[in-house]
Every structure is written in C-alpha cells, then in structure tokens.
Protein backbone atom coordinates (compact mmCIF):
# COMPACT_ATOMS: atom_id res chain seq x y z
CA MET A 1 116.78 94.74 -6.00
CA GLN A 2 116.52 91.20 -7.29
CA ALA A 3 119.29 89.50 -9.28
CA HIS A 4 118.49 87.91 -12.64
CA GLN A 5 120.22 85.37 -14.82
CA TYR A 6 121.36 86.46 -18.28
CA THR A 7 121.64 84.39 -21.43
CA HIS A 8 122.82 84.98 -24.97
CA THR A 9 122.47 82.69 -27.98
CA VAL A 10 125.00 82.52 -30.80
CA GLY A 11 123.89 80.18 -33.59
CA SER A 12 122.66 77.04 -31.87
CA ARG A 13 124.68 77.57 -28.69
CA ARG A 14 123.21 79.19 -25.60
CA TYR A 15 125.48 80.91 -23.08
CA GLY A 16 124.42 81.62 -19.53
CA PHE A 17 125.62 84.14 -16.92
CA ARG A 18 124.39 83.64 -13.38
CA ASP A 19 123.75 87.34 -12.64
CA LEU A 20 124.70 90.87 -13.72
CA LYS A 21 127.90 90.72 -11.68
CA ASP A 22 128.98 87.60 -13.59
CA LEU A 23 128.07 89.13 -16.94
CA MET A 24 130.11 92.26 -16.19
CA ALA A 25 133.13 90.23 -15.10
CA LYS A 26 133.03 87.92 -18.11
CA ALA A 27 132.78 90.92 -20.48
CA THR A 28 135.93 92.54 -19.09
CA PRO A 29 139.09 92.51 -21.25
CA LYS A 30 141.54 89.92 -19.96
CA ARG A 31 143.64 90.82 -16.93
CA SER A 32 145.52 88.89 -14.30
CA GLY A 33 143.55 90.21 -11.32
CA ASP A 34 140.25 88.84 -12.58
CA LEU A 35 141.89 85.50 -13.32
CA LEU A 36 143.29 85.50 -9.79
CA ALA A 37 139.81 86.23 -8.40
CA GLY A 38 138.23 83.47 -10.50
CA VAL A 39 135.71 85.80 -12.14
CA ALA A 40 137.21 86.18 -15.63
CA ALA A 41 135.86 84.66 -18.83
CA ARG A 42 137.21 81.16 -19.52
CA ASN A 43 138.36 82.15 -23.01
CA ALA A 44 138.08 84.82 -25.68
CA GLU A 45 134.87 83.30 -27.04
CA GLU A 46 133.04 83.56 -23.73
CA ARG A 47 134.36 87.11 -23.30
CA ALA A 48 133.04 88.14 -26.74
CA VAL A 49 129.63 86.61 -26.05
CA ALA A 50 129.43 88.37 -22.70
CA GLN A 51 130.25 91.66 -24.40
CA MET A 52 127.49 91.03 -26.95
CA ALA A 53 125.00 90.28 -24.17
CA LEU A 54 126.10 93.33 -22.20
CA ALA A 55 125.66 95.56 -25.27
CA GLU A 56 121.98 94.54 -25.43
CA LEU A 57 121.33 95.31 -21.77
CA PRO A 58 119.21 98.42 -21.00
CA LEU A 59 121.22 101.04 -19.11
CA ALA A 60 118.35 101.40 -16.65
CA THR A 61 119.02 97.84 -15.44
CA PHE A 62 121.78 99.22 -13.23
CA LEU A 63 119.20 101.25 -11.31
CA SER A 64 117.16 98.17 -10.42
CA GLU A 65 119.85 95.52 -9.94
CA ALA A 66 122.71 96.33 -7.56
CA LEU A 67 125.99 94.45 -7.98
CA ILE A 68 126.48 94.64 -4.20
CA PRO A 69 123.24 94.65 -2.18
CA TYR A 70 122.03 98.07 -1.01
CA GLU A 71 121.84 96.98 2.61
CA ASP A 72 125.38 95.54 2.60
CA ASP A 73 127.48 98.41 1.24
CA ASP A 74 127.49 102.16 1.85
CA ILE A 75 128.91 102.91 -1.60
CA THR A 76 125.98 101.12 -3.21
CA ARG A 77 123.70 103.29 -1.08
CA LEU A 78 125.63 106.40 -2.09
CA ILE A 79 125.35 105.51 -5.78
CA ILE A 80 121.62 104.81 -5.67
CA ASP A 81 120.62 107.62 -3.30
CA SER A 82 122.60 110.31 -5.15
CA HIS A 83 121.53 109.31 -8.67
CA ASP A 84 120.13 112.23 -10.67
CA GLY A 85 117.17 110.94 -12.66
CA ALA A 86 116.72 114.18 -14.59
CA ALA A 87 120.34 114.12 -15.76
CA PHE A 88 119.93 110.47 -16.79
CA ALA A 89 116.76 111.10 -18.80
CA PRO A 90 118.41 111.83 -22.20
CA VAL A 91 119.94 108.32 -22.29
CA SER A 92 117.52 106.40 -20.06
CA HIS A 93 115.99 104.56 -23.02
CA LEU A 94 119.31 103.31 -24.38
CA THR A 95 121.02 99.95 -24.13
CA VAL A 96 124.69 99.77 -23.19
CA GLY A 97 125.56 99.36 -26.87
CA ASP A 98 123.36 102.29 -27.88
CA PHE A 99 125.00 104.36 -25.16
CA ARG A 100 128.41 103.64 -26.67
CA ASN A 101 127.20 104.85 -30.06
CA TRP A 102 125.62 107.92 -28.47
CA LEU A 103 128.86 108.84 -26.69
CA LEU A 104 130.87 108.51 -29.91
CA GLY A 105 128.43 110.62 -31.92
CA ASP A 106 129.56 113.97 -33.28
CA ASP A 107 126.47 115.66 -31.88
CA VAL A 108 127.50 114.94 -28.27
CA ASP A 109 129.78 117.63 -26.88
CA SER A 110 131.46 118.59 -23.61
CA ALA A 111 128.45 120.48 -22.29
CA GLN A 112 126.14 117.52 -22.83
CA LEU A 113 128.57 115.13 -21.17
CA ALA A 114 128.97 117.45 -18.17
CA ALA A 115 125.19 117.64 -17.79
CA LEU A 116 124.92 113.86 -18.09
CA ALA A 117 127.57 113.01 -15.47
CA PRO A 118 125.32 113.11 -12.35
CA GLY A 119 122.94 110.69 -14.09
CA ILE A 120 125.56 108.05 -14.85
CA THR A 121 126.34 105.44 -12.22
CA PRO A 122 129.81 103.88 -11.99
CA GLU A 123 128.39 100.54 -13.12
CA MET A 124 126.98 102.16 -16.28
CA ALA A 125 130.36 103.70 -17.02
CA ALA A 126 132.14 100.39 -16.37
CA ALA A 127 129.68 98.51 -18.58
CA VAL A 128 130.03 100.73 -21.64
CA CYS A 129 133.80 100.80 -21.10
CA LYS A 130 133.93 97.00 -21.45
CA ILE A 131 132.56 97.09 -25.01
CA MET A 132 134.76 99.97 -26.21
CA ARG A 133 138.05 99.86 -28.06
CA ASN A 134 140.99 101.90 -26.80
CA GLN A 135 140.36 104.57 -29.43
CA ASP A 136 136.73 104.84 -28.26
CA LEU A 137 137.89 105.45 -24.69
CA ILE A 138 140.29 108.14 -25.88
CA LEU A 139 137.79 109.92 -28.12
CA VAL A 140 135.02 110.16 -25.53
CA ALA A 141 137.35 111.07 -22.66
CA LYS A 142 138.77 113.91 -24.74
CA LYS A 143 135.28 115.34 -25.11
CA CYS A 144 134.79 115.37 -21.33
CA SER A 145 135.85 118.64 -19.69
CA VAL A 146 136.15 118.71 -15.90
CA VAL A 147 137.63 121.89 -14.39
CA THR A 148 138.61 122.33 -10.73
CA ARG A 149 140.32 125.11 -8.79
CA PHE A 150 142.26 125.80 -5.61
CA ARG A 151 145.15 128.20 -6.31
CA ASN A 152 145.14 127.52 -10.03
CA THR A 153 142.88 126.01 -12.65
CA ILE A 154 143.14 122.29 -13.46
CA GLY A 155 141.54 120.52 -16.43
CA LEU A 156 141.14 123.22 -19.06
CA PRO A 157 141.30 122.01 -22.69
CA GLY A 158 144.79 122.04 -24.13
CA ARG A 159 146.41 121.84 -20.69
CA LEU A 160 148.35 119.06 -18.95
CA ALA A 161 149.28 119.59 -15.30
CA THR A 162 151.84 117.65 -13.28
CA ARG A 163 152.24 116.52 -9.71
CA LEU A 164 155.77 117.32 -8.59
CA GLN A 165 156.72 114.40 -6.36
CA PRO A 166 159.98 115.14 -4.48
CA ASN A 167 159.98 111.98 -2.35
CA HIS A 168 163.03 111.18 -0.26
CA PRO A 169 163.68 107.89 1.63
CA LEU A 170 164.75 109.81 4.75
CA ASP A 171 162.42 112.82 4.37
CA ASP A 172 165.63 114.86 4.17
CA ALA A 173 164.78 118.55 3.73
CA ALA A 174 167.73 119.27 1.43
CA GLY A 175 166.98 116.23 -0.72
CA ILE A 176 163.33 117.19 -1.03
CA ALA A 177 164.25 120.79 -1.85
CA ALA A 178 166.72 119.69 -4.54
CA SER A 179 164.12 117.48 -6.24
CA LEU A 180 161.53 120.23 -5.91
CA LEU A 181 163.82 122.74 -7.59
CA ASP A 182 164.63 120.23 -10.33
CA GLY A 183 160.93 119.74 -11.02
CA LEU A 184 160.11 123.44 -11.09
CA LEU A 185 162.90 124.03 -13.60
CA TYR A 186 161.18 121.55 -15.94
CA GLY A 187 157.81 123.25 -15.48
CA SER A 188 156.36 120.62 -13.14
CA GLY A 189 154.22 121.20 -10.08
CA ASP A 190 151.02 122.90 -11.20
CA ALA A 191 148.66 120.08 -10.14
CA VAL A 192 150.25 119.77 -6.72
CA ILE A 193 153.59 119.50 -4.97
CA GLY A 194 152.90 116.20 -3.24
CA ILE A 195 155.22 114.22 -0.97
CA ASN A 196 154.87 110.59 0.11
CA PRO A 197 156.38 110.84 3.61
CA ALA A 198 158.88 108.17 4.60
CA THR A 199 157.87 108.56 8.23
CA ASP A 200 154.10 108.65 8.52
CA ASN A 201 153.71 110.34 11.89
CA LEU A 202 152.00 113.59 12.80
CA GLN A 203 155.13 115.53 13.74
CA GLN A 204 156.79 114.72 10.43
CA VAL A 205 153.64 115.53 8.46
CA ILE A 206 153.43 118.98 10.05
CA LYS A 207 157.13 119.57 9.36
CA LEU A 208 156.77 118.71 5.66
CA VAL A 209 153.53 120.65 5.21
CA THR A 210 155.13 123.71 6.77
CA MET A 211 158.24 123.37 4.61
CA LEU A 212 156.18 123.23 1.42
CA ASP A 213 154.05 126.17 2.52
CA ASP A 214 157.18 128.24 3.16
CA ILE A 215 158.54 127.51 -0.33
CA ILE A 216 155.22 128.19 -2.08
CA SER A 217 154.82 131.44 -0.14
CA GLN A 218 158.41 132.61 -0.64
CA TYR A 219 158.31 132.20 -4.40
CA GLN A 220 154.58 132.97 -4.75
CA ILE A 221 154.00 129.76 -6.70
CA PRO A 222 150.35 129.45 -7.85
CA THR A 223 150.00 125.83 -6.82
CA GLN A 224 149.02 123.72 -3.83
CA SER A 225 150.85 121.30 -1.56
CA CYS A 226 149.93 117.94 -0.11
CA VAL A 227 151.59 115.41 2.17
CA LEU A 228 150.17 112.02 1.25
CA THR A 229 149.54 110.75 4.75
CA HIS A 230 146.46 109.05 6.17
CA VAL A 231 143.44 111.32 6.41
CA THR A 232 143.39 111.09 10.21
CA ASN A 233 146.92 112.53 10.34
CA THR A 234 145.84 115.41 8.12
CA ILE A 235 142.82 116.17 10.30
CA ALA A 236 145.08 116.18 13.36
CA ALA A 237 147.57 118.46 11.58
CA ILE A 238 144.78 120.90 10.75
CA GLU A 239 143.66 120.87 14.39
CA ARG A 240 147.22 121.83 15.37
CA GLY A 241 147.27 124.79 12.99
CA ALA A 242 149.33 123.27 10.16
CA PRO A 243 149.04 125.07 6.78
CA VAL A 244 147.26 122.21 4.96
CA ASP A 245 146.16 122.83 1.38
CA LEU A 246 144.82 119.47 0.16
CA VAL A 247 143.60 116.43 2.06
CA PHE A 248 144.81 113.16 0.54
CA GLN A 249 143.40 109.65 0.84
CA SER A 250 143.50 106.36 -1.05
CA ILE A 251 139.99 105.05 -1.63
CA GLY A 252 138.34 101.92 -3.02
CA GLY A 253 135.07 100.88 -4.57
CA THR A 254 133.46 98.98 -1.70
CA GLU A 255 132.75 99.80 1.92
CA ALA A 256 134.99 96.91 2.95
CA SER A 257 137.93 98.11 0.84
CA ASN A 258 137.66 101.58 2.34
CA ARG A 259 137.54 99.99 5.77
CA SER A 260 140.85 98.32 4.91
CA PHE A 261 142.24 101.81 4.23
CA GLY A 262 140.93 102.92 7.62
CA VAL A 263 138.38 105.36 6.18
CA SER A 264 134.65 105.82 5.84
CA LEU A 265 132.40 108.25 4.00
CA ALA A 266 131.77 110.08 7.28
CA LEU A 267 135.51 110.45 7.97
CA LEU A 268 136.14 111.82 4.48
CA GLY A 269 133.35 114.33 5.00
CA GLU A 270 134.93 115.40 8.29
CA ALA A 271 138.30 115.86 6.57
CA ARG A 272 136.82 117.97 3.79
CA SER A 273 135.05 120.21 6.29
CA ALA A 274 138.29 120.67 8.23
CA ALA A 275 140.22 121.67 5.11
CA LEU A 276 137.48 124.03 3.95
CA SER A 277 137.56 125.77 7.35
CA LEU A 278 141.12 126.95 6.62
CA GLN A 279 139.99 128.87 3.50
CA ARG A 280 143.42 128.58 1.88
CA GLY A 281 142.23 128.38 -1.70
CA THR A 282 142.43 131.61 -3.67
CA LEU A 283 140.51 130.59 -6.80
CA GLY A 284 138.32 127.72 -5.58
CA ASP A 285 137.44 125.33 -2.79
CA ASN A 286 138.29 121.90 -4.24
CA VAL A 287 140.36 120.65 -1.30
CA MET A 288 140.43 116.85 -1.70
CA TYR A 289 142.95 114.62 -3.49
CA PHE A 290 142.17 110.93 -4.03
CA GLU A 291 144.18 108.02 -5.40
CA THR A 292 142.66 104.79 -6.65
CA GLY A 293 143.82 101.68 -8.49
CA GLN A 294 142.47 98.53 -10.07
CA GLY A 295 143.07 95.59 -7.76
CA SER A 296 142.91 97.39 -4.41
CA ALA A 297 139.58 95.80 -3.43
CA LEU A 298 140.74 92.33 -4.47
CA SER A 299 144.02 92.70 -2.57
CA ALA A 300 141.96 93.48 0.55
CA GLN A 301 139.59 90.56 -0.16
CA ALA A 302 136.83 93.16 -0.32
CA HIS A 303 135.67 92.88 -3.94
CA HIS A 304 132.39 90.96 -3.38
CA GLY A 305 133.07 88.89 -6.50
CA LEU A 306 133.19 91.95 -8.77
CA ASP A 307 135.77 92.35 -11.51
CA GLN A 308 138.46 94.85 -10.63
CA GLN A 309 137.58 97.43 -13.29
CA THR A 310 134.00 97.69 -12.00
CA CYS A 311 135.31 98.01 -8.42
CA GLU A 312 137.58 100.79 -9.61
CA ALA A 313 134.73 102.68 -11.25
CA ARG A 314 132.74 102.46 -8.01
CA ALA A 315 135.59 104.23 -6.20
CA TYR A 316 134.85 107.23 -8.39
CA ALA A 317 131.42 107.54 -6.75
CA VAL A 318 133.24 108.10 -3.47
CA ALA A 319 135.56 110.68 -5.03
CA ARG A 320 132.70 112.49 -6.78
CA GLN A 321 130.85 112.94 -3.48
CA PHE A 322 133.62 115.15 -2.08
CA LYS A 323 134.29 117.48 -5.05
CA PRO A 324 138.06 116.86 -5.31
CA LEU A 325 140.66 119.04 -6.96
CA LEU A 326 142.55 115.94 -8.14
CA VAL A 327 141.96 112.22 -8.61
CA ASN A 328 144.39 109.77 -10.12
CA SER A 329 144.70 106.06 -10.68
CA VAL A 330 148.06 104.56 -9.73
CA VAL A 331 147.46 102.24 -12.60
CA GLY A 332 150.34 99.74 -12.48
CA PHE A 333 151.47 100.31 -8.90
CA ILE A 334 149.88 97.29 -7.23
CA GLY A 335 151.76 94.82 -9.43
CA PRO A 336 151.48 92.05 -12.05
CA GLU A 337 149.13 89.99 -9.90
CA TYR A 338 146.45 92.50 -10.96
CA LEU A 339 147.78 93.96 -14.24
CA PHE A 340 150.28 91.53 -15.66
CA ASP A 341 152.01 93.36 -18.50
CA GLY A 342 152.27 96.57 -20.47
CA LYS A 343 149.20 95.78 -22.56
CA GLN A 344 147.00 95.29 -19.51
CA ILE A 345 148.39 98.42 -17.82
CA ILE A 346 147.76 100.55 -20.92
CA ARG A 347 144.20 99.32 -21.25
CA ALA A 348 143.49 99.82 -17.54
CA GLY A 349 144.88 103.36 -17.61
CA LEU A 350 142.59 104.31 -20.49
CA GLU A 351 139.62 102.63 -18.78
CA ASP A 352 140.20 104.46 -15.51
CA HIS A 353 140.59 107.82 -17.22
CA PHE A 354 137.48 107.33 -19.37
CA CYS A 355 135.20 106.19 -16.54
CA ALA A 356 136.28 108.95 -14.16
CA LYS A 357 135.90 111.69 -16.75
CA LEU A 358 132.49 110.37 -17.79
CA LEU A 359 131.43 110.51 -14.13
CA GLY A 360 132.59 114.13 -13.86
CA LEU A 361 135.94 113.77 -12.10
CA PRO A 362 139.19 115.71 -12.69
CA MET A 363 141.14 112.58 -13.57
CA GLY A 364 144.89 112.20 -13.79
CA CYS A 365 147.05 109.10 -13.89
CA ASP A 366 150.22 107.83 -12.30
CA VAL A 367 151.60 106.16 -15.43
CA CYS A 368 153.59 103.51 -13.62
CA TYR A 369 154.66 99.89 -13.20
CA THR A 370 156.57 97.75 -10.74
CA ASN A 371 159.87 96.14 -11.65
CA HIS A 372 158.46 92.59 -11.53
CA ALA A 373 155.73 93.35 -14.11
CA GLU A 374 156.13 92.44 -17.77
CA ALA A 375 156.36 96.11 -18.71
CA ASP A 376 158.98 98.75 -19.33
CA GLN A 377 159.35 102.47 -19.87
CA ASN A 378 158.41 102.17 -23.54
CA ASP A 379 154.99 100.88 -22.47
CA MET A 380 154.69 103.90 -20.20
CA ASP A 381 155.62 106.21 -23.10
CA VAL A 382 152.70 104.74 -25.03
CA LEU A 383 150.22 105.18 -22.16
CA LEU A 384 151.46 108.70 -21.36
CA THR A 385 151.02 109.75 -24.98
CA LEU A 386 147.56 108.18 -25.27
CA LEU A 387 146.41 109.83 -22.05
CA GLY A 388 147.73 113.17 -23.27
CA VAL A 389 145.67 112.75 -26.43
CA ALA A 390 142.65 111.77 -24.31
CA GLY A 391 142.76 114.99 -22.26
CA CYS A 392 144.20 113.63 -19.02
CA SER A 393 144.19 116.33 -16.32
CA PHE A 394 147.62 115.58 -14.85
CA VAL A 395 150.48 113.09 -14.61
CA MET A 396 153.36 112.54 -12.18
CA GLY A 397 156.79 114.08 -12.26
CA ILE A 398 159.62 112.50 -10.30
CA PRO A 399 163.41 112.60 -10.79
CA GLY A 400 164.52 110.07 -13.40
CA SER A 401 161.13 108.28 -13.45
CA ASP A 402 162.35 106.19 -10.50
CA ASP A 403 160.79 106.59 -7.07
CA ILE A 404 163.68 105.60 -4.82
CA MET A 405 161.42 105.53 -1.78
CA LEU A 406 158.41 103.56 -3.09
CA ASN A 407 160.48 101.44 -5.50
CA TYR A 408 158.39 101.69 -8.64
CA GLN A 409 158.77 103.30 -12.04
CA THR A 410 156.66 106.30 -13.04
CA THR A 411 157.05 109.38 -15.24
CA SER A 412 159.78 111.97 -14.94
CA PHE A 413 159.82 115.75 -15.26
CA HIS A 414 161.26 115.23 -18.73
CA ASP A 415 158.44 112.83 -19.66
CA ALA A 416 155.81 115.42 -18.78
CA LEU A 417 157.72 118.03 -20.78
CA TYR A 418 157.80 115.62 -23.75
CA ALA A 419 154.03 115.12 -23.58
CA ARG A 420 153.40 118.84 -23.51
CA ARG A 421 155.73 119.48 -26.43
CA VAL A 422 154.65 116.69 -28.76
CA LEU A 423 150.92 117.24 -28.13
CA GLY A 424 150.97 121.03 -27.92
CA LEU A 425 149.78 121.05 -24.30
CA ARG A 426 150.51 123.73 -21.71
CA PRO A 427 150.59 123.99 -17.91
CA ALA A 428 147.73 125.42 -15.87
CA PRO A 429 147.38 129.06 -16.97
CA GLU A 430 148.31 130.67 -13.64
CA PHE A 431 151.33 128.39 -13.29
CA GLU A 432 152.36 129.04 -16.89
CA ALA A 433 152.38 132.78 -16.23
CA TRP A 434 154.54 132.19 -13.14
CA LEU A 435 157.01 130.04 -15.13
CA GLN A 436 157.43 132.88 -17.60
CA GLN A 437 157.69 135.49 -14.86
CA MET A 438 160.41 133.46 -13.13
CA GLN A 439 162.26 133.05 -16.46
CA ILE A 440 161.91 129.27 -16.36
CA PHE A 441 159.91 129.27 -19.60
CA SER A 442 160.54 131.68 -22.44
CA ARG A 443 157.98 134.43 -22.97
CA ASP A 444 157.35 133.50 -26.59
CA ASP A 445 154.71 131.09 -27.85
CA GLN A 446 157.16 128.15 -27.91
CA PHE A 447 157.34 127.82 -24.11
CA ARG A 448 160.97 126.77 -24.29
CA LEU A 449 163.02 126.11 -21.17
CA ASN A 450 165.57 128.82 -20.50
CA ALA A 451 169.14 127.54 -20.53
CA THR A 452 170.30 129.37 -17.40
CA LEU A 453 169.25 129.06 -13.79
CA PRO A 454 166.61 131.72 -13.01
CA PRO A 455 168.00 134.49 -10.77
CA ALA A 456 165.39 133.86 -8.08
CA PHE A 457 166.69 130.34 -7.54
CA GLN A 458 170.45 130.99 -7.64
CA LYS A 459 170.73 131.95 -3.97
CA ALA A 460 168.46 129.10 -2.94
CA LEU A 461 170.65 126.58 -4.75
CA LEU A 462 173.77 127.91 -3.09
CA ARG A 463 172.15 127.43 0.33
CA LEU A 464 171.67 123.70 -0.18
CA PRO A 465 174.25 121.66 1.81
C-alpha cells in the first residue's frame, strides 16, 4: 500500500499534504492533543482546505492506502482482512463528501446503516466525521441502531441505559452497597453495575465479583456486573470459579497502544472464550465491555503520527471484533493535554459516538472531565443532552457526579434521570419492568420515582453499619 501526496488549490494558492495521514490530521477540528503531537493544522485556513481536499477523496482510497503499514500493526491487518466488500458496495463509488450527503439523506435508514457497518473501516468513519457539523453527527448516529444482550437488552430506540458505578476508595463493602442502593433507587444500573476496584489484585476482584453476584441474585435484578480490572485478572478469576458476567478492558487504536495496556488481540480472544464458557447470559452472549478515549495512543507515544480522533476510531475495530455488550469513550478523562476545554470535549464525545455507531458498536459515553480542564458541569449537561438526542446507548451514574476514588467529574444518578425525563427515554425494558415490580418506579406511563423506600430494600438498609 503506497502513500501518496495530496494537494488542493484554492484560487491561485496550492496547498500540499505529504500523505493521507497528514491530510486526515490537518482536517481534524482543533484540539490540544493534536497540537501537542505536532500534527494539527497551522490555522483555521489550512484546516478548512484540508477538509475540502478530504471531501473530494474517494472512500475506496482507505482500502489501498493504510495510515499505519499493514506489516507494522495488527489492527491495520484486522481492519483490512476483516473488511466486507459486499457490505461496502452500495457506497464504494462515493467520495468522503458524497458519503456525508448519503448518510444524511432521508432515504437511508437504520437497516441500511446496519448492513453497511461491516463495510466501513474506522478510517472511513473518521474521515467523514471530520467534515461533519455537530448536528450531522447527532442526526446520523440517531439513525444507527445497535442492540446487544446479556441479561437485558441494550440499545433499543427510545431507551437510555446507565452504568451504576459504586466506586469506593477503600473497596469497603458497606460503602459500595450504599452507593449501589442509591443508584438503584434512581433507576440506574441497567447497562451494568461496574466497579473500579481500589485494590487491583485477584483476591479483591473475586471478592467484589462475588458480592455483586450475590446482590443481583438476591433481588433478581435483570442486569450484569463487572469489576473493571485488567483482563488477565478476570481470566484468572474465571479459572478460579468466580461468577464473572462481563470481561472489561481498556483498548486503543494501535498495536503499540494496546501493548501499553498489556493486551493483544489474542489475549482478548482468550478472555471472551473464557467468559462465554460460563454461559451466564440469559438473553444473549455479548460478554465484553471496552473503554476507549481520545489521546490514549498519544499518551503512550504509540500514535504513529496519527491524529487522536482517527486513533480512537481504529480502537473500535478492536471492539467490533469481539462482539461487546458495551463500549464507551471516557471522553474527557485523560485531561486538558488532549481535550482542552468544554468545547473540545463536547465535539469529541459526539465524534466518538458517531464513529462507533456507524461501525456497528453499542456505544455509550462517560460524559466527564478532570478538574484541571477548562470545563464544568454545565458543559457536561450539554454533552449529556446531545448524546441523549443522538441515541447514546448508555451513560454513567455515580453519587453526586464526583468519583471520589478516580478524582474526576462525571454524571450522577440524577443526571441520567434528567436525560430520561427531558428526552422521553426509558431504561432497558427488562430492567424497567423490574423497577416497577420493586416499586422504585410508578406503574403508570410517567415512570415517576416512588417517594418511599421500596419494602424489599428496607431490611437491607437497616443491615448497613
């Protein structure tokens, strides 16, 4: 796959881009990570010209010109070797700009986009994303329907699930249980009850997994649990008989970035096989949970000169390979070195959601920021609302929006409830029925929270120290 130079003429001025990688980077909306990497456009004029040149590029170019050489990167090999030419055929004649217009057309529906997904490479998705406005990203993502199942159904139209995240800085069982109860009483937890362990060792992982399994079993909650430890810990826990539902792992868009996470495609395949062997899903066998984030490859010096949004889209090829139940971008978690302010975080969140959905992934988002970024909770309100409009599969729920263990700001149980109410969205259907059965939600069409503590939880609350 030979690299080519690209040029574009505006009036009497001729602009040059040394290769497709450079053109993609220069066309990317401004963000601090690309400036840090030295790949960003020098100014708004160069960025606009790059976007014009990119719009004229045939989509098929991405099948003949790899951004990272085939022989140097296993994700490039995965992307090329797994490409579905028949699925790509309906748009194979289009330029990137034509593809944008095609996606926005009223004649293109969810079924067509689902059929197209195996034919779209991450680089194609990243390219068209770079020439789209925020409203374009929202409109197309909303048309994409990606449904997955384990013990409930995630991603149905008109639904917004939540990850209940009862983190505790000491992994204290009573503290975790109190946060878990708090979240359930707000209707959170249908995507997953997922804990970031403070102590990332095998014994503690098994203890937390067992605790969550006991609670889910006792109250017959139609959801799944996950302890967000390294994949090797989860495999070891499965080998020791732990009741593991989902396997979690952070992933990146290059082989080198995944190596920095201590994972490979082969290891992820081993983990999926181990989880499938337990046969714990009642409705489906989507057993993987992945987190991604713009800037992870750059922070590991593993970006190969790519812009961070394109690297992020390539991570979705890894996720797609393993048929996950859940994927989410931790969009503002890495910090202002990569996404400087609220505007950049909002744009990146919409980009990540759009690209993943277009590629056929059940995409959620950790709507978040660090305290040293030029962002605040009002920015997160904007992104949360826009993602809800765009058909985001799930968001986070954590007490008070403040993760006291990881020290960043995300969305609260109340935030998720707000999004559901203002946008007319509902929990996963099986979880919704359970909320009504447990008298947490009213049984009318308003899905109001009941004012009193449900009887089933009264004794449990009294048992907390």
